[in-house]
């Protein structure tokens, strides 16, 4: 079990052991809810694949990706 401190702005850092165990990365979405006297933080499984390009994304790339996604949705792929 790990302990964390709540900051002045009511923030906390998720310990690296917990992040690694759950595969939590920067930008991931987490659900937070109360269960009895516990705060539960749960990683949300994304339905959309995420990619990291390690380069700036151009408007052309975004438009092509949207078109490709729309085509795939219409064709059932």
N, C-alpha and C. Protein backbone atom coordinates (compact mmCIF):
# COMPACT_ATOMS: atom_id res chain seq x y z
N UNK A 1 0.85 -1.18 0.00
CA UNK A 1 0.00 0.00 0.00
C UNK A 1 0.89 1.23 0.00
N UNK A 2 0.50 2.19 -0.82
CA UNK A 2 1.24 3.46 -0.93
C UNK A 2 0.46 4.56 -0.22
N UNK A 3 1.16 5.58 0.21
CA UNK A 3 0.52 6.76 0.80
C UNK A 3 0.87 7.96 -0.05
N UNK A 4 -0.11 8.85 -0.21
CA UNK A 4 0.11 10.08 -0.96
C UNK A 4 -0.41 11.25 -0.13
N UNK A 5 0.08 12.42 -0.45
CA UNK A 5 -0.35 13.63 0.25
C UNK A 5 -1.20 14.48 -0.68
N UNK A 6 -2.29 15.02 -0.15
CA UNK A 6 -3.15 15.92 -0.90
C UNK A 6 -2.54 17.32 -0.81
N UNK A 7 -2.37 17.97 -1.96
CA UNK A 7 -1.77 19.30 -1.98
C UNK A 7 -2.80 20.37 -1.66
N UNK A 8 -2.33 21.60 -1.60
CA UNK A 8 -3.19 22.74 -1.31
C UNK A 8 -4.32 22.84 -2.33
N UNK A 9 -4.07 22.42 -3.58
CA UNK A 9 -5.09 22.46 -4.62
C UNK A 9 -5.87 21.16 -4.72
N UNK A 10 -5.82 20.34 -3.69
CA UNK A 10 -6.53 19.05 -3.62
C UNK A 10 -6.09 18.08 -4.71
N UNK A 11 -4.82 18.13 -5.04
CA UNK A 11 -4.26 17.20 -6.02
C UNK A 11 -3.38 16.19 -5.31
N UNK A 12 -3.14 15.07 -6.00
CA UNK A 12 -2.23 14.06 -5.46
C UNK A 12 -1.47 13.44 -6.62
N UNK A 13 -0.35 12.83 -6.34
CA UNK A 13 0.43 12.15 -7.36
C UNK A 13 0.19 10.66 -7.23
N UNK A 14 -0.09 10.01 -8.35
CA UNK A 14 -0.26 8.56 -8.34
C UNK A 14 1.14 7.95 -8.28
N UNK A 15 1.43 7.12 -7.29
CA UNK A 15 2.77 6.54 -7.17
C UNK A 15 3.16 5.75 -8.42
N UNK A 16 4.44 5.76 -8.74
CA UNK A 16 4.93 5.10 -9.95
C UNK A 16 4.61 3.61 -9.94
N UNK A 17 4.65 2.96 -8.78
CA UNK A 17 4.34 1.53 -8.73
C UNK A 17 2.91 1.25 -9.16
N UNK A 18 1.99 2.15 -8.80
CA UNK A 18 0.58 2.00 -9.18
C UNK A 18 0.41 2.31 -10.66
N UNK A 19 1.05 3.39 -11.14
CA UNK A 19 0.96 3.75 -12.57
C UNK A 19 1.49 2.62 -13.44
N UNK A 20 2.61 2.05 -13.05
CA UNK A 20 3.20 0.96 -13.84
C UNK A 20 2.34 -0.29 -13.80
N UNK A 21 1.78 -0.61 -12.64
CA UNK A 21 0.95 -1.82 -12.51
C UNK A 21 -0.30 -1.74 -13.39
N UNK A 22 -0.86 -0.53 -13.54
CA UNK A 22 -2.09 -0.36 -14.32
C UNK A 22 -1.84 0.18 -15.72
N UNK A 23 -0.60 0.50 -16.03
CA UNK A 23 -0.28 1.04 -17.34
C UNK A 23 -0.84 2.43 -17.56
N UNK A 24 -0.88 3.24 -16.52
CA UNK A 24 -1.42 4.59 -16.62
C UNK A 24 -0.35 5.50 -17.21
N UNK A 25 -0.75 6.20 -18.28
CA UNK A 25 0.15 7.12 -18.97
C UNK A 25 -0.44 8.53 -18.94
N UNK A 26 0.41 9.51 -19.20
CA UNK A 26 -0.04 10.90 -19.27
C UNK A 26 -1.15 11.01 -20.31
N UNK A 27 -2.24 11.67 -19.94
CA UNK A 27 -3.37 11.86 -20.84
C UNK A 27 -4.46 10.83 -20.69
N UNK A 28 -4.20 9.74 -19.94
CA UNK A 28 -5.23 8.73 -19.72
C UNK A 28 -6.38 9.32 -18.91
N UNK A 29 -7.55 8.75 -19.07
CA UNK A 29 -8.74 9.18 -18.33
C UNK A 29 -8.97 8.20 -17.18
N UNK A 30 -9.25 8.75 -16.00
CA UNK A 30 -9.52 7.94 -14.81
C UNK A 30 -10.91 8.29 -14.29
N UNK A 31 -11.63 7.29 -13.81
CA UNK A 31 -12.91 7.53 -13.12
C UNK A 31 -12.62 7.63 -11.63
N UNK A 32 -13.34 8.52 -10.96
CA UNK A 32 -13.19 8.68 -9.51
C UNK A 32 -14.58 8.63 -8.90
N UNK A 33 -14.77 7.76 -7.92
CA UNK A 33 -16.05 7.68 -7.24
C UNK A 33 -15.86 7.23 -5.81
N UNK A 34 -16.90 7.40 -5.02
CA UNK A 34 -16.88 7.04 -3.60
C UNK A 34 -17.59 5.71 -3.42
N UNK A 35 -16.97 4.85 -2.67
CA UNK A 35 -17.54 3.53 -2.35
C UNK A 35 -17.43 3.38 -0.83
N UNK A 36 -18.54 3.66 -0.14
CA UNK A 36 -18.48 3.64 1.32
C UNK A 36 -17.60 4.76 1.81
N UNK A 37 -16.54 4.40 2.56
CA UNK A 37 -15.60 5.42 3.04
C UNK A 37 -14.30 5.42 2.23
N UNK A 38 -14.37 4.90 1.01
CA UNK A 38 -13.19 4.82 0.15
C UNK A 38 -13.34 5.70 -1.09
N UNK A 39 -12.22 6.23 -1.54
CA UNK A 39 -12.16 6.91 -2.83
C UNK A 39 -11.60 5.88 -3.80
N UNK A 40 -12.34 5.59 -4.86
CA UNK A 40 -11.90 4.61 -5.85
C UNK A 40 -11.50 5.36 -7.12
N UNK A 41 -10.31 5.05 -7.61
CA UNK A 41 -9.81 5.63 -8.86
C UNK A 41 -9.61 4.48 -9.82
N UNK A 42 -10.29 4.53 -10.96
CA UNK A 42 -10.28 3.42 -11.91
C UNK A 42 -9.87 3.92 -13.29
N UNK A 43 -8.96 3.18 -13.92
CA UNK A 43 -8.54 3.53 -15.28
C UNK A 43 -9.68 3.21 -16.24
N UNK A 44 -10.01 4.16 -17.11
CA UNK A 44 -11.06 3.97 -18.11
C UNK A 44 -10.42 3.36 -19.34
N UNK A 45 -11.00 2.29 -19.82
CA UNK A 45 -10.49 1.66 -21.04
C UNK A 45 -11.02 2.43 -22.23
N UNK A 46 -10.11 2.94 -23.04
CA UNK A 46 -10.46 3.74 -24.21
C UNK A 46 -10.93 2.83 -25.34
N UNK A 47 -12.00 3.25 -25.99
CA UNK A 47 -12.50 2.51 -27.15
C UNK A 47 -11.76 2.92 -28.41
N UNK A 48 -11.10 4.07 -28.35
CA UNK A 48 -10.36 4.55 -29.51
C UNK A 48 -8.88 4.27 -29.30
N UNK A 49 -8.22 3.75 -30.33
CA UNK A 49 -6.77 3.55 -30.20
C UNK A 49 -6.06 4.89 -30.15
N UNK A 50 -5.01 4.96 -29.36
CA UNK A 50 -4.23 6.18 -29.26
C UNK A 50 -2.88 5.95 -29.90
N UNK A 51 -2.40 6.94 -30.57
CA UNK A 51 -1.08 6.83 -31.17
C UNK A 51 -0.24 8.00 -30.72
N UNK A 52 1.04 7.77 -30.64
CA UNK A 52 1.98 8.83 -30.32
C UNK A 52 2.90 8.96 -31.52
N UNK A 53 2.88 10.13 -32.15
CA UNK A 53 3.63 10.31 -33.38
C UNK A 53 5.03 10.86 -33.15
N UNK A 54 5.26 11.46 -31.99
CA UNK A 54 6.55 12.09 -31.67
C UNK A 54 6.94 13.15 -32.69
N UNK A 55 5.91 13.78 -33.26
CA UNK A 55 6.13 14.88 -34.20
C UNK A 55 4.86 15.71 -34.24
N UNK A 56 4.95 16.96 -34.72
CA UNK A 56 3.74 17.77 -34.84
C UNK A 56 2.74 17.15 -35.82
N UNK A 57 1.47 17.32 -35.53
CA UNK A 57 0.42 16.79 -36.40
C UNK A 57 -0.10 17.94 -37.26
N UNK A 58 -0.13 17.72 -38.57
CA UNK A 58 -0.59 18.77 -39.49
C UNK A 58 -2.10 18.70 -39.66
N UNK A 59 -2.68 19.79 -40.13
CA UNK A 59 -4.11 19.83 -40.41
C UNK A 59 -4.46 18.81 -41.49
N UNK A 60 -3.59 18.65 -42.46
CA UNK A 60 -3.83 17.68 -43.54
C UNK A 60 -3.92 16.27 -42.97
N UNK A 61 -3.01 15.93 -42.05
CA UNK A 61 -3.02 14.60 -41.44
C UNK A 61 -4.33 14.37 -40.69
N UNK A 62 -4.78 15.37 -39.95
CA UNK A 62 -6.02 15.25 -39.18
C UNK A 62 -7.20 15.04 -40.13
N UNK A 63 -7.27 15.85 -41.19
CA UNK A 63 -8.37 15.73 -42.14
C UNK A 63 -8.37 14.36 -42.82
N UNK A 64 -7.20 13.87 -43.22
CA UNK A 64 -7.10 12.54 -43.84
C UNK A 64 -7.54 11.46 -42.86
N UNK A 65 -7.15 11.59 -41.61
CA UNK A 65 -7.51 10.60 -40.59
C UNK A 65 -9.02 10.58 -40.36
N UNK A 66 -9.63 11.76 -40.32
CA UNK A 66 -11.08 11.84 -40.14
C UNK A 66 -11.79 11.19 -41.32
N UNK A 67 -11.34 11.52 -42.52
CA UNK A 67 -11.94 10.92 -43.72
C UNK A 67 -11.79 9.40 -43.70
N UNK A 68 -10.61 8.92 -43.36
CA UNK A 68 -10.36 7.48 -43.29
C UNK A 68 -11.27 6.83 -42.26
N UNK A 69 -11.41 7.46 -41.10
CA UNK A 69 -12.28 6.94 -40.05
C UNK A 69 -13.74 6.91 -40.46
N UNK A 70 -14.18 7.95 -41.16
CA UNK A 70 -15.57 7.98 -41.64
C UNK A 70 -15.80 6.88 -42.66
N UNK A 71 -14.83 6.68 -43.54
CA UNK A 71 -14.95 5.64 -44.56
C UNK A 71 -15.02 4.25 -43.90
N UNK A 72 -14.16 4.03 -42.90
CA UNK A 72 -14.14 2.75 -42.20
C UNK A 72 -15.45 2.52 -41.46
N UNK A 73 -16.03 3.57 -40.88
CA UNK A 73 -17.31 3.43 -40.17
C UNK A 73 -18.43 3.07 -41.12
N UNK A 74 -18.45 3.69 -42.29
CA UNK A 74 -19.50 3.43 -43.27
C UNK A 74 -19.37 2.05 -43.91
N UNK A 75 -18.12 1.58 -44.04
CA UNK A 75 -17.92 0.29 -44.68
C UNK A 75 -17.98 -0.87 -43.68
N UNK A 76 -18.11 -0.53 -42.39
CA UNK A 76 -18.24 -1.57 -41.36
C UNK A 76 -16.93 -2.18 -40.91
N UNK A 77 -15.81 -1.54 -41.18
CA UNK A 77 -14.50 -2.06 -40.76
C UNK A 77 -14.04 -1.45 -39.49
